[in-house]
């Protein structure tokens, strides 16, 4: 599996439509997606959007046209009539990998909506639909796995959590060793870094993309909470300390960079999984969720230091995170085709 910072053909999204994910706030969500699409275009991406119907595509185009005025930019947006249950493309979308010849292949892992929390029959077959429309080969590993539960450095190192991958609501029939073999066989993971728990409020059972992420082959940003009274403090402290003791696929030390947590984002007495770690690396930009708090600017500064050749674009996600996800959860990268491909 290529690392996220490797060149993309484009980025996949699914246009938001499930009002139950944002009760009382849904009307604010499509404009946030328009912000994300605009930032992706600015970041050198084509954008591929799954829409449930022609009518939904029309509505999406109208909303996008209010944000994206340049016709040349708008032409880089392509719609696909592929129905979804929800819009979290990171988890239900295809995972693109390369075989030994460099050819791209779509992998269709089972998606069970984070332990059967939501209807997911349409979501589960999205990779098949995309493979059909792109006329790309597809393989089915046969176990539950979401894109947000893993992160890779493109060199054989994979980062994940025991809370998620060993959770009984995913693959209760598999041992840790058996799961590691799947990650090796289908994602090229030569070594797996296991962290413990994810952040409070995360309904995915501890997805890695809210707590720790690769920024290059040897660097990991890790969320930390400085307030000892915050319920995330000890969880994240342990993750950070564990990472400091871990090594890369060659046994060499990793560079671990602390990134602050946002101030708690609360909606209707619910602690939401707000995290700067849910960023997305586009070709020429890094899209970072921000939350109208004092730690937004320090976090953006850290990303600017880690990605000196990419523009850092902060996107207000206070409303989006009410759906329990933000930018990385909404996106899925498609690497470039091989140079010898048509």
C-alpha atoms as a PDB file:
ATOM      1  CA  UNK A   1       0.000   0.000   0.000  1.00  0.00           C
ATOM      2  CA  UNK A   2       1.529   3.352  -1.028  1.00  0.00           C
ATOM      3  CA  UNK A   3       1.949   6.037   1.611  1.00  0.00           C
ATOM      4  CA  UNK A   4      -0.560   8.883   1.543  1.00  0.00           C
ATOM      5  CA  UNK A   5       2.062  11.439   0.500  1.00  0.00           C
ATOM      6  CA  UNK A   6       2.935   9.519  -2.664  1.00  0.00           C
ATOM      7  CA  UNK A   7       1.470  10.991  -5.897  1.00  0.00           C
ATOM      8  CA  UNK A   8      -2.287  10.771  -6.314  1.00  0.00           C
ATOM      9  CA  UNK A   9      -4.425  10.452  -9.385  1.00  0.00           C
ATOM     10  CA  UNK A  10      -7.176  11.937  -7.241  1.00  0.00           C
ATOM     11  CA  UNK A  11      -9.245  11.758  -4.079  1.00  0.00           C
ATOM     12  CA  UNK A  12     -12.560   9.954  -3.517  1.00  0.00           C
ATOM     13  CA  UNK A  13     -15.443  11.405  -1.532  1.00  0.00           C
ATOM     14  CA  UNK A  14     -19.100  10.466  -1.057  1.00  0.00           C
ATOM     15  CA  UNK A  15     -21.529  13.370  -1.066  1.00  0.00           C
ATOM     16  CA  UNK A  16     -23.151  13.678   2.406  1.00  0.00           C
ATOM     17  CA  UNK A  17     -26.813  12.779   2.659  1.00  0.00           C
ATOM     18  CA  UNK A  18     -27.418  10.856   5.904  1.00  0.00           C
ATOM     19  CA  UNK A  19     -29.030  13.466   8.158  1.00  0.00           C
ATOM     20  CA  UNK A  20     -28.919  11.092  11.135  1.00  0.00           C
ATOM     21  CA  UNK A  21     -25.143  11.507  11.298  1.00  0.00           C
ATOM     22  CA  UNK A  22     -25.530  15.245  11.897  1.00  0.00           C
ATOM     23  CA  UNK A  23     -28.858  15.626  13.733  1.00  0.00           C
ATOM     24  CA  UNK A  24     -29.898  19.256  13.728  1.00  0.00           C
ATOM     25  CA  UNK A  25     -26.847  20.342  11.726  1.00  0.00           C
ATOM     26  CA  UNK A  26     -27.093  18.605   8.393  1.00  0.00           C
ATOM     27  CA  UNK A  27     -27.690  21.778   6.360  1.00  0.00           C
ATOM     28  CA  UNK A  28     -24.210  22.965   7.401  1.00  0.00           C
ATOM     29  CA  UNK A  29     -22.431  19.834   6.158  1.00  0.00           C
ATOM     30  CA  UNK A  30     -22.587  20.070   2.321  1.00  0.00           C
ATOM     31  CA  UNK A  31     -20.891  23.517   2.431  1.00  0.00           C
ATOM     32  CA  UNK A  32     -18.085  21.978   4.514  1.00  0.00           C
ATOM     33  CA  UNK A  33     -17.664  19.312   1.824  1.00  0.00           C
ATOM     34  CA  UNK A  34     -17.497  22.128  -0.732  1.00  0.00           C
ATOM     35  CA  UNK A  35     -14.633  23.608   1.310  1.00  0.00           C
ATOM     36  CA  UNK A  36     -12.879  20.235   1.289  1.00  0.00           C
ATOM     37  CA  UNK A  37     -13.345  19.819  -2.474  1.00  0.00           C
ATOM     38  CA  UNK A  38     -12.044  23.341  -3.099  1.00  0.00           C
ATOM     39  CA  UNK A  39      -8.991  22.668  -0.948  1.00  0.00           C
ATOM     40  CA  UNK A  40      -8.342  19.369  -2.752  1.00  0.00           C
ATOM     41  CA  UNK A  41      -8.423  21.140  -6.121  1.00  0.00           C
ATOM     42  CA  UNK A  42      -6.053  23.758  -4.759  1.00  0.00           C
ATOM     43  CA  UNK A  43      -3.897  20.886  -3.539  1.00  0.00           C
ATOM     44  CA  UNK A  44      -3.432  19.499  -7.038  1.00  0.00           C
ATOM     45  CA  UNK A  45      -6.051  16.752  -6.907  1.00  0.00           C
ATOM     46  CA  UNK A  46      -8.783  15.552  -9.150  1.00  0.00           C
ATOM     47  CA  UNK A  47     -11.882  14.848  -7.070  1.00  0.00           C
ATOM     48  CA  UNK A  48     -14.102  11.798  -7.567  1.00  0.00           C
ATOM     49  CA  UNK A  49     -17.495  12.011  -5.853  1.00  0.00           C
ATOM     50  CA  UNK A  50     -19.969   9.198  -5.288  1.00  0.00           C
ATOM     51  CA  UNK A  51     -23.577  10.372  -5.523  1.00  0.00           C
ATOM     52  CA  UNK A  52     -26.696   8.336  -4.776  1.00  0.00           C
ATOM     53  CA  UNK A  53     -28.680   9.735  -7.692  1.00  0.00           C
ATOM     54  CA  UNK A  54     -28.749  12.199 -10.559  1.00  0.00           C
ATOM     55  CA  UNK A  55     -30.749  14.547  -8.339  1.00  0.00           C
ATOM     56  CA  UNK A  56     -28.093  14.375  -5.610  1.00  0.00           C
ATOM     57  CA  UNK A  57     -25.372  15.086  -8.159  1.00  0.00           C
ATOM     58  CA  UNK A  58     -27.305  18.128  -9.374  1.00  0.00           C
ATOM     59  CA  UNK A  59     -27.641  19.454  -5.825  1.00  0.00           C
ATOM     60  CA  UNK A  60     -23.966  18.837  -5.150  1.00  0.00           C
ATOM     61  CA  UNK A  61     -22.956  20.660  -8.335  1.00  0.00           C
ATOM     62  CA  UNK A  62     -25.053  23.656  -7.324  1.00  0.00           C
ATOM     63  CA  UNK A  63     -23.446  23.824  -3.878  1.00  0.00           C
ATOM     64  CA  UNK A  64     -19.944  23.336  -5.301  1.00  0.00           C
ATOM     65  CA  UNK A  65     -20.478  26.025  -7.938  1.00  0.00           C
ATOM     66  CA  UNK A  66     -21.030  28.597  -5.188  1.00  0.00           C
ATOM     67  CA  UNK A  67     -17.524  27.867  -3.886  1.00  0.00           C
ATOM     68  CA  UNK A  68     -15.613  26.911  -7.056  1.00  0.00           C
ATOM     69  CA  UNK A  69     -16.008  29.584  -9.734  1.00  0.00           C
ATOM     70  CA  UNK A  70     -13.196  28.580 -12.095  1.00  0.00           C
ATOM     71  CA  UNK A  71     -14.502  26.304 -14.884  1.00  0.00           C
ATOM     72  CA  UNK A  72     -11.097  24.672 -15.367  1.00  0.00           C
ATOM     73  CA  UNK A  73     -11.008  23.711 -11.700  1.00  0.00           C
ATOM     74  CA  UNK A  74     -14.612  22.509 -11.776  1.00  0.00           C
ATOM     75  CA  UNK A  75     -13.794  20.223 -14.689  1.00  0.00           C
ATOM     76  CA  UNK A  76     -11.480  18.267 -12.370  1.00  0.00           C
ATOM     77  CA  UNK A  77     -14.514  17.131 -10.355  1.00  0.00           C
ATOM     78  CA  UNK A  78     -16.010  13.873 -11.602  1.00  0.00           C
ATOM     79  CA  UNK A  79     -19.228  12.317 -10.314  1.00  0.00           C
ATOM     80  CA  UNK A  80     -20.023   8.614 -10.144  1.00  0.00           C
ATOM     81  CA  UNK A  81     -23.512   7.220  -9.643  1.00  0.00           C
ATOM     82  CA  UNK A  82     -22.500   4.946  -6.768  1.00  0.00           C
ATOM     83  CA  UNK A  83     -24.982   4.824  -3.859  1.00  0.00           C
ATOM     84  CA  UNK A  84     -23.703   4.954  -0.285  1.00  0.00           C
ATOM     85  CA  UNK A  85     -25.279   4.626   3.137  1.00  0.00           C
ATOM     86  CA  UNK A  86     -23.002   7.312   4.591  1.00  0.00           C
ATOM     87  CA  UNK A  87     -20.180   9.555   3.445  1.00  0.00           C
ATOM     88  CA  UNK A  88     -17.148   8.205   5.310  1.00  0.00           C
ATOM     89  CA  UNK A  89     -15.119   7.196   2.254  1.00  0.00           C
ATOM     90  CA  UNK A  90     -11.985   6.427   4.249  1.00  0.00           C
ATOM     91  CA  UNK A  91     -13.676   3.437   5.811  1.00  0.00           C
ATOM     92  CA  UNK A  92     -15.987   2.032   3.154  1.00  0.00           C
ATOM     93  CA  UNK A  93     -14.023   3.109   0.088  1.00  0.00           C
ATOM     94  CA  UNK A  94     -11.473   1.084  -1.853  1.00  0.00           C
ATOM     95  CA  UNK A  95      -7.926   0.681  -0.614  1.00  0.00           C
ATOM     96  CA  UNK A  96      -5.570   0.981  -3.580  1.00  0.00           C
ATOM     97  CA  UNK A  97      -2.422  -1.141  -3.544  1.00  0.00           C
ATOM     98  CA  UNK A  98       0.257  -2.078  -6.073  1.00  0.00           C
ATOM     99  CA  UNK A  99       1.327  -5.560  -7.084  1.00  0.00           C
ATOM    100  CA  UNK A 100       4.968  -6.479  -7.658  1.00  0.00           C
ATOM    101  CA  UNK A 101       4.846  -5.059 -11.188  1.00  0.00           C
ATOM    102  CA  UNK A 102       3.540  -1.690  -9.958  1.00  0.00           C
ATOM    103  CA  UNK A 103       0.025  -2.249 -11.281  1.00  0.00           C
ATOM    104  CA  UNK A 104      -2.767  -0.731  -9.207  1.00  0.00           C
ATOM    105  CA  UNK A 105      -5.304  -3.083  -7.645  1.00  0.00           C
ATOM    106  CA  UNK A 106      -8.415  -2.261  -5.627  1.00  0.00           C
ATOM    107  CA  UNK A 107      -8.900  -4.120  -2.373  1.00  0.00           C
ATOM    108  CA  UNK A 108     -12.423  -4.665  -1.104  1.00  0.00           C
ATOM    109  CA  UNK A 109     -12.281  -5.387   2.618  1.00  0.00           C
ATOM    110  CA  UNK A 110     -15.511  -6.133   4.461  1.00  0.00           C
ATOM    111  CA  UNK A 111     -17.127  -3.017   5.933  1.00  0.00           C
ATOM    112  CA  UNK A 112     -19.490  -3.660   8.847  1.00  0.00           C
ATOM    113  CA  UNK A 113     -20.067  -0.025   9.934  1.00  0.00           C
ATOM    114  CA  UNK A 114     -17.721  -0.174  12.927  1.00  0.00           C
ATOM    115  CA  UNK A 115     -19.396  -3.179  14.473  1.00  0.00           C
ATOM    116  CA  UNK A 116     -22.867  -3.022  12.904  1.00  0.00           C
ATOM    117  CA  UNK A 117     -23.694   0.427  14.300  1.00  0.00           C
ATOM    118  CA  UNK A 118     -25.373   1.671  11.108  1.00  0.00           C
ATOM    119  CA  UNK A 119     -26.927   0.260   7.922  1.00  0.00           C
ATOM    120  CA  UNK A 120     -24.075  -0.488   5.529  1.00  0.00           C
ATOM    121  CA  UNK A 121     -25.187  -2.745   2.662  1.00  0.00           C
ATOM    122  CA  UNK A 122     -24.519  -0.017   0.063  1.00  0.00           C
ATOM    123  CA  UNK A 123     -21.262   1.090   1.687  1.00  0.00           C
ATOM    124  CA  UNK A 124     -19.903  -2.444   1.762  1.00  0.00           C
ATOM    125  CA  UNK A 125     -20.007  -2.791  -2.035  1.00  0.00           C
ATOM    126  CA  UNK A 126     -18.639   0.668  -2.921  1.00  0.00           C
ATOM    127  CA  UNK A 127     -15.166  -0.733  -3.800  1.00  0.00           C
ATOM    128  CA  UNK A 128     -16.793  -3.218  -6.203  1.00  0.00           C
ATOM    129  CA  UNK A 129     -18.756  -0.436  -7.901  1.00  0.00           C
ATOM    130  CA  UNK A 130     -15.663   1.744  -8.234  1.00  0.00           C
ATOM    131  CA  UNK A 131     -13.640  -1.155  -9.638  1.00  0.00           C
ATOM    132  CA  UNK A 132     -16.357  -1.773 -12.227  1.00  0.00           C
ATOM    133  CA  UNK A 133     -16.437   1.847 -13.349  1.00  0.00           C
ATOM    134  CA  UNK A 134     -12.661   2.218 -13.411  1.00  0.00           C
ATOM    135  CA  UNK A 135     -12.245  -1.227 -15.001  1.00  0.00           C
ATOM    136  CA  UNK A 136      -9.588  -2.072 -12.433  1.00  0.00           C
ATOM    137  CA  UNK A 137      -8.734  -5.481 -10.954  1.00  0.00           C
ATOM    138  CA  UNK A 138     -10.158  -6.131  -7.501  1.00  0.00           C
ATOM    139  CA  UNK A 139      -9.357  -8.607  -4.738  1.00  0.00           C
ATOM    140  CA  UNK A 140     -11.322  -9.398  -1.579  1.00  0.00           C
ATOM    141  CA  UNK A 141      -9.250 -10.251   1.515  1.00  0.00           C
ATOM    142  CA  UNK A 142     -12.380 -11.500   3.274  1.00  0.00           C
ATOM    143  CA  UNK A 143     -12.083  -9.850   6.697  1.00  0.00           C
ATOM    144  CA  UNK A 144     -13.361  -6.612   8.240  1.00  0.00           C
ATOM    145  CA  UNK A 145     -11.014  -3.629   7.932  1.00  0.00           C
ATOM    146  CA  UNK A 146     -11.561   0.123   7.602  1.00  0.00           C
ATOM    147  CA  UNK A 147      -9.123   2.547   6.022  1.00  0.00           C
ATOM    148  CA  UNK A 148      -9.156   4.774   9.087  1.00  0.00           C
ATOM    149  CA  UNK A 149      -7.900   1.946  11.284  1.00  0.00           C
ATOM    150  CA  UNK A 150      -4.486   1.771   9.583  1.00  0.00           C
ATOM    151  CA  UNK A 151      -1.725   4.088   8.397  1.00  0.00           C
ATOM    152  CA  UNK A 152       1.354   3.091   6.388  1.00  0.00           C
ATOM    153  CA  UNK A 153       4.738   4.583   5.521  1.00  0.00           C
ATOM    154  CA  UNK A 154       4.931   2.913   2.095  1.00  0.00           C
ATOM    155  CA  UNK A 155       8.084   1.041   3.139  1.00  0.00           C
ATOM    156  CA  UNK A 156       6.536  -1.885   4.965  1.00  0.00           C
ATOM    157  CA  UNK A 157       5.589  -0.234   8.265  1.00  0.00           C
ATOM    158  CA  UNK A 158       1.951  -0.166   9.400  1.00  0.00           C
ATOM    159  CA  UNK A 159       0.441   1.675  12.361  1.00  0.00           C
ATOM    160  CA  UNK A 160      -2.793   0.616  14.074  1.00  0.00           C
ATOM    161  CA  UNK A 161      -4.484  -0.011  17.447  1.00  0.00           C
ATOM    162  CA  UNK A 162      -5.366  -3.129  19.370  1.00  0.00           C
ATOM    163  CA  UNK A 163      -8.624  -1.508  20.487  1.00  0.00           C
ATOM    164  CA  UNK A 164      -9.864  -1.532  16.907  1.00  0.00           C
ATOM    165  CA  UNK A 165      -8.289  -4.427  15.025  1.00  0.00           C
ATOM    166  CA  UNK A 166      -8.573  -6.875  17.915  1.00  0.00           C
ATOM    167  CA  UNK A 167     -12.084  -5.740  18.828  1.00  0.00           C
ATOM    168  CA  UNK A 168     -14.659  -8.519  18.992  1.00  0.00           C
ATOM    169  CA  UNK A 169     -16.997  -6.448  16.814  1.00  0.00           C
ATOM    170  CA  UNK A 170     -14.650  -6.834  13.839  1.00  0.00           C
ATOM    171  CA  UNK A 171     -13.049 -10.269  13.376  1.00  0.00           C
ATOM    172  CA  UNK A 172     -13.666 -12.243  16.584  1.00  0.00           C
ATOM    173  CA  UNK A 173     -12.559 -15.495  14.941  1.00  0.00           C
ATOM    174  CA  UNK A 174      -9.021 -14.208  14.282  1.00  0.00           C
ATOM    175  CA  UNK A 175      -6.018 -13.943  16.582  1.00  0.00           C
ATOM    176  CA  UNK A 176      -3.604 -11.027  16.506  1.00  0.00           C
ATOM    177  CA  UNK A 177      -1.090 -13.165  14.655  1.00  0.00           C
ATOM    178  CA  UNK A 178      -3.663 -14.117  12.022  1.00  0.00           C
ATOM    179  CA  UNK A 179      -4.665 -10.471  11.528  1.00  0.00           C
ATOM    180  CA  UNK A 180      -1.005  -9.549  11.131  1.00  0.00           C
ATOM    181  CA  UNK A 181      -0.724 -12.112   8.334  1.00  0.00           C
ATOM    182  CA  UNK A 182      -3.610 -10.452   6.477  1.00  0.00           C
ATOM    183  CA  UNK A 183      -1.920  -7.068   6.871  1.00  0.00           C
ATOM    184  CA  UNK A 184       1.302  -8.555   5.526  1.00  0.00           C
ATOM    185  CA  UNK A 185      -0.263 -10.425   2.628  1.00  0.00           C
ATOM    186  CA  UNK A 186      -2.638  -7.717   1.419  1.00  0.00           C
ATOM    187  CA  UNK A 187      -0.985  -4.426   2.458  1.00  0.00           C
ATOM    188  CA  UNK A 188       2.686  -5.371   2.365  1.00  0.00           C
ATOM    189  CA  UNK A 189       3.177  -4.763   6.089  1.00  0.00           C
ATOM    190  CA  UNK A 190       6.564  -6.140   7.106  1.00  0.00           C
ATOM    191  CA  UNK A 191       6.235  -4.727  10.612  1.00  0.00           C
ATOM    192  CA  UNK A 192       3.197  -3.564  12.586  1.00  0.00           C
ATOM    193  CA  UNK A 193       3.244  -0.926  15.310  1.00  0.00           C
ATOM    194  CA  UNK A 194       0.406  -1.625  17.735  1.00  0.00           C
ATOM    195  CA  UNK A 195      -0.845   1.241  19.895  1.00  0.00           C
ATOM    196  CA  UNK A 196      -3.525   0.796  22.545  1.00  0.00           C
ATOM    197  CA  UNK A 197      -6.626   2.975  22.674  1.00  0.00           C
ATOM    198  CA  UNK A 198      -8.113   5.778  20.640  1.00  0.00           C
ATOM    199  CA  UNK A 199      -9.626   9.033  21.854  1.00  0.00           C
ATOM    200  CA  UNK A 200     -12.806   9.543  23.847  1.00  0.00           C
ATOM    201  CA  UNK A 201     -15.885  10.038  21.672  1.00  0.00           C
ATOM    202  CA  UNK A 202     -14.575   7.961  18.772  1.00  0.00           C
ATOM    203  CA  UNK A 203     -17.322   5.521  17.784  1.00  0.00           C
ATOM    204  CA  UNK A 204     -14.932   3.482  15.603  1.00  0.00           C
ATOM    205  CA  UNK A 205     -13.309   1.667  18.547  1.00  0.00           C
ATOM    206  CA  UNK A 206     -10.011   3.486  18.327  1.00  0.00           C
ATOM    207  CA  UNK A 207      -9.142   4.415  14.745  1.00  0.00           C
ATOM    208  CA  UNK A 208      -5.497   5.327  14.322  1.00  0.00           C
ATOM    209  CA  UNK A 209      -6.282   8.375  12.178  1.00  0.00           C
ATOM    210  CA  UNK A 210      -7.444  10.284  15.258  1.00  0.00           C
ATOM    211  CA  UNK A 211      -4.313   9.644  17.326  1.00  0.00           C
ATOM    212  CA  UNK A 212      -1.108   8.999  15.331  1.00  0.00           C
ATOM    213  CA  UNK A 213      -0.118   9.305  11.658  1.00  0.00           C
ATOM    214  CA  UNK A 214       2.941   9.031   9.454  1.00  0.00           C
ATOM    215  CA  UNK A 215       4.096  12.298   7.876  1.00  0.00           C
ATOM    216  CA  UNK A 216       7.063  10.693   6.127  1.00  0.00           C
ATOM    217  CA  UNK A 217       8.680   7.278   6.131  1.00  0.00           C
ATOM    218  CA  UNK A 218      10.396   7.866   9.492  1.00  0.00           C
ATOM    219  CA  UNK A 219       8.199  10.461  11.231  1.00  0.00           C
ATOM    220  CA  UNK A 220       4.949  10.008  13.164  1.00  0.00           C
ATOM    221  CA  UNK A 221       2.829  12.780  14.636  1.00  0.00           C
ATOM    222  CA  UNK A 222       1.146  11.699  17.837  1.00  0.00           C
ATOM    223  CA  UNK A 223      -1.699  13.529  19.562  1.00  0.00           C
ATOM    224  CA  UNK A 224      -1.024  14.503  23.182  1.00  0.00           C
ATOM    225  CA  UNK A 225      -3.223  16.095  25.834  1.00  0.00           C
ATOM    226  CA  UNK A 226      -1.471  18.378  28.335  1.00  0.00           C
ATOM    227  CA  UNK A 227      -4.429  18.827  30.688  1.00  0.00           C
ATOM    228  CA  UNK A 228      -4.069  16.095  33.343  1.00  0.00           C
ATOM    229  CA  UNK A 229      -7.785  16.365  34.131  1.00  0.00           C
ATOM    230  CA  UNK A 230      -8.791  15.586  30.552  1.00  0.00           C
ATOM    231  CA  UNK A 231      -9.940  11.998  30.053  1.00  0.00           C
ATOM    232  CA  UNK A 232      -7.722  11.686  26.958  1.00  0.00           C
ATOM    233  CA  UNK A 233      -4.541  12.591  28.839  1.00  0.00           C
ATOM    234  CA  UNK A 234      -3.413   9.179  30.072  1.00  0.00           C
ATOM    235  CA  UNK A 235      -4.574   7.353  26.931  1.00  0.00           C
ATOM    236  CA  UNK A 236      -2.518   9.600  24.669  1.00  0.00           C
ATOM    237  CA  UNK A 237       0.448   9.739  27.024  1.00  0.00           C
ATOM    238  CA  UNK A 238       0.757   5.958  26.839  1.00  0.00           C
ATOM    239  CA  UNK A 239       0.539   5.990  23.042  1.00  0.00           C
ATOM    240  CA  UNK A 240       3.257   8.623  22.841  1.00  0.00           C
ATOM    241  CA  UNK A 241       5.555   6.755  25.238  1.00  0.00           C
ATOM    242  CA  UNK A 242       4.984   3.484  23.380  1.00  0.00           C
ATOM    243  CA  UNK A 243       5.861   5.100  20.056  1.00  0.00           C
ATOM    244  CA  UNK A 244       9.083   6.535  21.480  1.00  0.00           C
ATOM    245  CA  UNK A 245      10.222   2.963  22.162  1.00  0.00           C
ATOM    246  CA  UNK A 246       9.264   1.618  18.730  1.00  0.00           C
ATOM    247  CA  UNK A 247      11.447   1.327  15.626  1.00  0.00           C
ATOM    248  CA  UNK A 248      10.877   1.305  11.888  1.00  0.00           C
ATOM    249  CA  UNK A 249      10.860  -1.647   9.494  1.00  0.00           C
ATOM    250  CA  UNK A 250      14.665  -1.692   9.585  1.00  0.00           C
ATOM    251  CA  UNK A 251      14.954  -1.482  13.355  1.00  0.00           C
ATOM    252  CA  UNK A 252      15.939   2.190  13.327  1.00  0.00           C
ATOM    253  CA  UNK A 253      14.483   4.805  15.701  1.00  0.00           C
ATOM    254  CA  UNK A 254      11.464   6.782  14.563  1.00  0.00           C
ATOM    255  CA  UNK A 255      10.988  10.515  14.931  1.00  0.00           C
ATOM    256  CA  UNK A 256       7.895  11.088  17.090  1.00  0.00           C
ATOM    257  CA  UNK A 257       6.411  14.589  16.984  1.00  0.00           C
ATOM    258  CA  UNK A 258       3.830  15.607  19.571  1.00  0.00           C
ATOM    259  CA  UNK A 259       0.806  17.463  18.279  1.00  0.00           C
ATOM    260  CA  UNK A 260      -1.683  19.050  20.684  1.00  0.00           C
ATOM    261  CA  UNK A 261      -5.272  18.006  21.002  1.00  0.00           C
ATOM    262  CA  UNK A 262      -7.945  20.619  20.336  1.00  0.00           C
ATOM    263  CA  UNK A 263      -9.879  21.936  23.277  1.00  0.00           C
ATOM    264  CA  UNK A 264     -12.845  19.617  23.887  1.00  0.00           C
ATOM    265  CA  UNK A 265     -15.623  19.994  21.329  1.00  0.00           C
ATOM    266  CA  UNK A 266     -18.965  19.315  22.993  1.00  0.00           C
ATOM    267  CA  UNK A 267     -22.366  19.113  21.339  1.00  0.00           C
ATOM    268  CA  UNK A 268     -25.517  18.285  23.289  1.00  0.00           C
ATOM    269  CA  UNK A 269     -23.387  17.070  26.215  1.00  0.00           C
ATOM    270  CA  UNK A 270     -21.516  14.691  23.872  1.00  0.00           C
ATOM    271  CA  UNK A 271     -17.699  14.747  23.692  1.00  0.00           C
ATOM    272  CA  UNK A 272     -16.830  14.640  19.997  1.00  0.00           C
ATOM    273  CA  UNK A 273     -13.668  13.019  18.523  1.00  0.00           C
ATOM    274  CA  UNK A 274     -12.009  16.273  17.478  1.00  0.00           C
ATOM    275  CA  UNK A 275      -8.358  15.734  16.544  1.00  0.00           C
ATOM    276  CA  UNK A 276      -5.780  17.434  14.345  1.00  0.00           C
ATOM    277  CA  UNK A 277      -4.486  13.947  13.500  1.00  0.00           C
ATOM    278  CA  UNK A 278      -7.425  13.544  11.114  1.00  0.00           C
ATOM    279  CA  UNK A 279      -5.543  15.507   8.426  1.00  0.00           C
ATOM    280  CA  UNK A 280      -5.275  14.504   4.763  1.00  0.00           C
ATOM    281  CA  UNK A 281      -2.167  14.754   2.571  1.00  0.00           C
ATOM    282  CA  UNK A 282      -2.991  15.928  -0.954  1.00  0.00           C
ATOM    283  CA  UNK A 283      -0.480  16.281  -3.794  1.00  0.00           C
ATOM    284  CA  UNK A 284       0.370  19.912  -3.066  1.00  0.00           C
ATOM    285  CA  UNK A 285      -1.405  20.600   0.218  1.00  0.00           C
ATOM    286  CA  UNK A 286      -2.265  19.191   3.616  1.00  0.00           C
ATOM    287  CA  UNK A 287      -5.870  19.627   4.741  1.00  0.00           C
ATOM    288  CA  UNK A 288      -6.071  20.001   8.527  1.00  0.00           C
ATOM    289  CA  UNK A 289      -9.265  20.047  10.601  1.00  0.00           C
ATOM    290  CA  UNK A 290      -9.481  23.055  12.925  1.00  0.00           C
ATOM    291  CA  UNK A 291     -11.956  23.693  15.724  1.00  0.00           C
ATOM    292  CA  UNK A 292     -11.994  27.439  16.574  1.00  0.00           C
ATOM    293  CA  UNK A 293      -9.701  26.912  19.551  1.00  0.00           C
ATOM    294  CA  UNK A 294      -6.392  28.146  20.905  1.00  0.00           C
ATOM    295  CA  UNK A 295      -4.491  25.090  19.663  1.00  0.00           C
ATOM    296  CA  UNK A 296      -5.475  25.538  16.002  1.00  0.00           C
ATOM    297  CA  UNK A 297      -2.556  27.833  15.151  1.00  0.00           C
ATOM    298  CA  UNK A 298       0.115  25.821  17.025  1.00  0.00           C
ATOM    299  CA  UNK A 299      -1.084  22.664  15.265  1.00  0.00           C
ATOM    300  CA  UNK A 300      -1.017  24.317  11.836  1.00  0.00           C
ATOM    301  CA  UNK A 301       2.508  25.543  12.547  1.00  0.00           C
ATOM    302  CA  UNK A 302       3.665  22.003  13.315  1.00  0.00           C
ATOM    303  CA  UNK A 303       2.216  20.753  10.029  1.00  0.00           C
ATOM    304  CA  UNK A 304       3.917  23.601   8.164  1.00  0.00           C
ATOM    305  CA  UNK A 305       7.258  22.472   9.599  1.00  0.00           C
ATOM    306  CA  UNK A 306       6.588  18.819   8.721  1.00  0.00           C
ATOM    307  CA  UNK A 307       5.378  19.542   5.169  1.00  0.00           C
ATOM    308  CA  UNK A 308       7.539  22.449   3.908  1.00  0.00           C
ATOM    309  CA  UNK A 309       6.713  21.777   0.238  1.00  0.00           C
ATOM    310  CA  UNK A 310       2.926  21.622   0.691  1.00  0.00           C
ATOM    311  CA  UNK A 311       0.455  24.348   1.525  1.00  0.00           C
ATOM    312  CA  UNK A 312      -1.281  23.868   4.884  1.00  0.00           C
ATOM    313  CA  UNK A 313      -5.030  24.493   4.621  1.00  0.00           C
ATOM    314  CA  UNK A 314      -7.072  24.613   7.804  1.00  0.00           C
ATOM    315  CA  UNK A 315     -10.744  23.704   7.409  1.00  0.00           C
ATOM    316  CA  UNK A 316     -13.303  24.512  10.095  1.00  0.00           C
ATOM    317  CA  UNK A 317     -14.690  21.145  11.208  1.00  0.00           C
ATOM    318  CA  UNK A 318     -16.713  22.102  14.277  1.00  0.00           C
ATOM    319  CA  UNK A 319     -19.906  21.127  12.477  1.00  0.00           C
ATOM    320  CA  UNK A 320     -18.465  18.182  10.543  1.00  0.00           C
ATOM    321  CA  UNK A 321     -17.162  16.460  13.685  1.00  0.00           C
ATOM    322  CA  UNK A 322     -20.748  16.281  15.017  1.00  0.00           C
ATOM    323  CA  UNK A 323     -20.926  13.304  12.642  1.00  0.00           C
ATOM    324  CA  UNK A 324     -17.971  11.770  14.568  1.00  0.00           C
ATOM    325  CA  UNK A 325     -15.432  12.243  11.784  1.00  0.00           C
ATOM    326  CA  UNK A 326     -13.653  14.973   9.849  1.00  0.00           C
ATOM    327  CA  UNK A 327     -11.330  15.306   6.845  1.00  0.00           C
ATOM    328  CA  UNK A 328      -9.373  12.053   6.760  1.00  0.00           C
ATOM    329  CA  UNK A 329     -12.544  10.101   7.492  1.00  0.00           C
ATOM    330  CA  UNK A 330     -14.179  11.723   4.442  1.00  0.00           C
ATOM    331  CA  UNK A 331     -11.399  11.085   1.919  1.00  0.00           C
ATOM    332  CA  UNK A 332      -9.663   8.161   0.222  1.00  0.00           C
ATOM    333  CA  UNK A 333      -6.651   8.589  -2.032  1.00  0.00           C
ATOM    334  CA  UNK A 334      -6.216   6.943  -5.420  1.00  0.00           C
ATOM    335  CA  UNK A 335      -2.524   6.680  -6.349  1.00  0.00           C
ATOM    336  CA  UNK A 336      -1.340   7.509  -9.853  1.00  0.00           C
ATOM    337  CA  UNK A 337      -1.562   4.822 -12.478  1.00  0.00           C
ATOM    338  CA  UNK A 338       1.693   3.136 -13.548  1.00  0.00           C
ATOM    339  CA  UNK A 339       3.576   5.149 -16.153  1.00  0.00           C
ATOM    340  CA  UNK A 340       3.147   2.337 -18.693  1.00  0.00           C
ATOM    341  CA  UNK A 341      -0.617   2.261 -18.183  1.00  0.00           C
ATOM    342  CA  UNK A 342      -3.171   3.654 -20.600  1.00  0.00           C
END
